[in-house]
C-alpha atoms as a PDB file:
ATOM      1  CA  MET A   1      37.392 128.690  90.699  1.00  0.00           C
ATOM      2  CA  LYS A   2      38.213 125.193  89.469  1.00  0.00           C
ATOM      3  CA  VAL A   3      38.987 126.635  85.935  1.00  0.00           C
ATOM      4  CA  THR A   4      41.446 129.309  87.424  1.00  0.00           C
ATOM      5  CA  ILE A   5      43.224 126.604  89.490  1.00  0.00           C
ATOM      6  CA  VAL A   6      43.491 124.297  86.338  1.00  0.00           C
ATOM      7  CA  CYS A   7      44.703 127.144  84.240  1.00  0.00           C
ATOM      8  CA  LEU A   8      47.317 128.131  86.834  1.00  0.00           C
ATOM      9  CA  LEU A   9      48.406 124.409  87.008  1.00  0.00           C
ATOM     10  CA  VAL A  10      48.811 124.103  83.318  1.00  0.00           C
ATOM     11  CA  VAL A  11      50.835 127.386  83.287  1.00  0.00           C
ATOM     12  CA  SER A  12      53.036 126.224  86.050  1.00  0.00           C
ATOM     13  CA  ILE A  13      53.799 122.826  84.379  1.00  0.00           C
ATOM     14  CA  SER A  14      54.496 124.595  81.023  1.00  0.00           C
ATOM     15  CA  LEU A  15      57.059 126.972  82.653  1.00  0.00           C
ATOM     16  CA  ALA A  16      58.607 124.143  84.655  1.00  0.00           C
ATOM     17  CA  SER A  17      58.894 122.162  81.332  1.00  0.00           C
ATOM     18  CA  ALA A  18      60.469 125.200  79.536  1.00  0.00           C
ATOM     19  CA  GLY A  19      62.967 125.434  82.330  1.00  0.00           C
ATOM     20  CA  ASN A  20      63.973 121.776  82.118  1.00  0.00           C
ATOM     21  CA  LEU A  21      64.353 122.083  78.303  1.00  0.00           C
ATOM     22  CA  LYS A  22      66.723 125.067  78.867  1.00  0.00           C
ATOM     23  CA  ASN A  23      68.724 123.061  81.331  1.00  0.00           C
ATOM     24  CA  ILE A  24      68.927 120.061  79.106  1.00  0.00           C
ATOM     25  CA  LEU A  25      70.066 122.140  76.216  1.00  0.00           C
ATOM     26  CA  GLN A  26      72.706 124.012  78.411  1.00  0.00           C
ATOM     27  CA  ASN A  27      73.955 120.637  79.555  1.00  0.00           C
ATOM     28  CA  ARG A  28      74.113 119.213  75.967  1.00  0.00           C
ATOM     29  CA  ARG A  29      75.903 122.406  74.934  1.00  0.00           C
ATOM     30  CA  ALA A  30      78.470 122.000  77.673  1.00  0.00           C
ATOM     31  CA  THR A  31      79.434 118.487  76.347  1.00  0.00           C
ATOM     32  CA  ALA A  32      79.505 119.616  72.715  1.00  0.00           C
ATOM     33  CA  THR A  33      82.396 120.719  70.570  1.00  0.00           C
ATOM     34  CA  CYS A  34      82.768 122.046  67.104  1.00  0.00           C
ATOM     35  CA  PRO A  35      83.201 119.559  64.276  1.00  0.00           C
ATOM     36  CA  PRO A  36      86.411 119.739  62.466  1.00  0.00           C
ATOM     37  CA  SER A  37      86.940 122.585  59.938  1.00  0.00           C
ATOM     38  CA  SER A  38      86.491 121.717  56.159  1.00  0.00           C
ATOM     39  CA  GLY A  39      90.044 123.096  55.744  1.00  0.00           C
ATOM     40  CA  MET A  40      88.606 125.376  53.060  1.00  0.00           C
ATOM     41  CA  ALA A  41      90.076 128.832  52.695  1.00  0.00           C
ATOM     42  CA  GLY A  42      88.749 131.734  50.588  1.00  0.00           C
ATOM     43  CA  ILE A  43      88.345 135.607  50.695  1.00  0.00           C
ATOM     44  CA  CYS A  44      87.935 136.624  54.316  1.00  0.00           C
ATOM     45  CA  VAL A  45      84.793 138.907  54.300  1.00  0.00           C
ATOM     46  CA  PHE A  46      82.526 138.959  57.407  1.00  0.00           C
ATOM     47  CA  ASP A  47      79.036 138.448  56.363  1.00  0.00           C
ATOM     48  CA  PRO A  48      76.622 138.690  59.388  1.00  0.00           C
ATOM     49  CA  ASN A  49      74.096 136.523  57.565  1.00  0.00           C
ATOM     50  CA  VAL A  50      76.631 133.625  57.500  1.00  0.00           C
ATOM     51  CA  ASN A  51      79.521 134.362  59.971  1.00  0.00           C
ATOM     52  CA  CYS A  52      79.259 134.579  63.742  1.00  0.00           C
ATOM     53  CA  LEU A  53      81.154 135.854  66.669  1.00  0.00           C
ATOM     54  CA  SER A  54      79.830 133.873  69.547  1.00  0.00           C
ATOM     55  CA  ASN A  55      77.499 130.934  70.332  1.00  0.00           C
ATOM     56  CA  THR A  56      74.700 133.490  71.208  1.00  0.00           C
ATOM     57  CA  GLU A  57      74.394 134.297  67.574  1.00  0.00           C
ATOM     58  CA  CYS A  58      73.565 130.788  66.496  1.00  0.00           C
ATOM     59  CA  HIS A  59      70.152 129.386  66.579  1.00  0.00           C
ATOM     60  CA  GLY A  60      69.146 126.150  68.235  1.00  0.00           C
ATOM     61  CA  ASP A  61      71.903 124.043  69.520  1.00  0.00           C
ATOM     62  CA  LYS A  62      74.479 125.286  66.864  1.00  0.00           C
ATOM     63  CA  LEU A  63      77.768 126.571  68.021  1.00  0.00           C
ATOM     64  CA  CYS A  64      80.052 129.271  66.580  1.00  0.00           C
ATOM     65  CA  CYS A  65      82.870 127.338  65.158  1.00  0.00           C
ATOM     66  CA  PRO A  66      86.078 128.268  63.248  1.00  0.00           C
ATOM     67  CA  GLU A  67      85.762 127.784  59.511  1.00  0.00           C
ATOM     68  CA  GLY A  68      88.557 129.205  57.100  1.00  0.00           C
ATOM     69  CA  CYS A  69      89.439 132.735  58.341  1.00  0.00           C
ATOM     70  CA  GLY A  70      86.217 133.276  60.217  1.00  0.00           C
ATOM     71  CA  SER A  71      83.477 131.481  62.149  1.00  0.00           C
ATOM     72  CA  VAL A  72      80.132 130.017  61.267  1.00  0.00           C
ATOM     73  CA  CYS A  73      77.187 128.477  63.073  1.00  0.00           C
ATOM     74  CA  LYS A  74      77.497 124.640  62.949  1.00  0.00           C
ATOM     75  CA  LYS A  75      75.793 121.539  64.400  1.00  0.00           C
ATOM     76  CA  PRO A  76      78.033 120.482  67.307  1.00  0.00           C
ATOM     77  CA  VAL A  77      79.594 117.003  67.872  1.00  0.00           C
ATOM     78  CA  TYR A  78      78.329 115.660  71.288  1.00  0.00           C
ATOM     79  CA  HIS A  79      80.750 113.766  73.525  1.00  0.00           C
ATOM     80  CA  HIS A  80      79.156 111.321  75.992  1.00  0.00           C
ATOM     81  CA  HIS A  81      80.524 111.244  79.572  1.00  0.00           C
END
């Protein structure tokens, strides 16, 4: 019985921590913007391994940012309020 209660407590704490992490990342993303474009131009070919169409395609805290004639996932610039 005690083992079950401890396991449920650990699972509950883990889920709460995961929820807090999600909120922190969402709040950080809300205060983040894309860094300036490098200004480089080239042949415009969409490569799904390099280019993105939205932030949901970027891993971690990266944003889908304009670069040349397309968009790529980049580390954002954070603005402190």
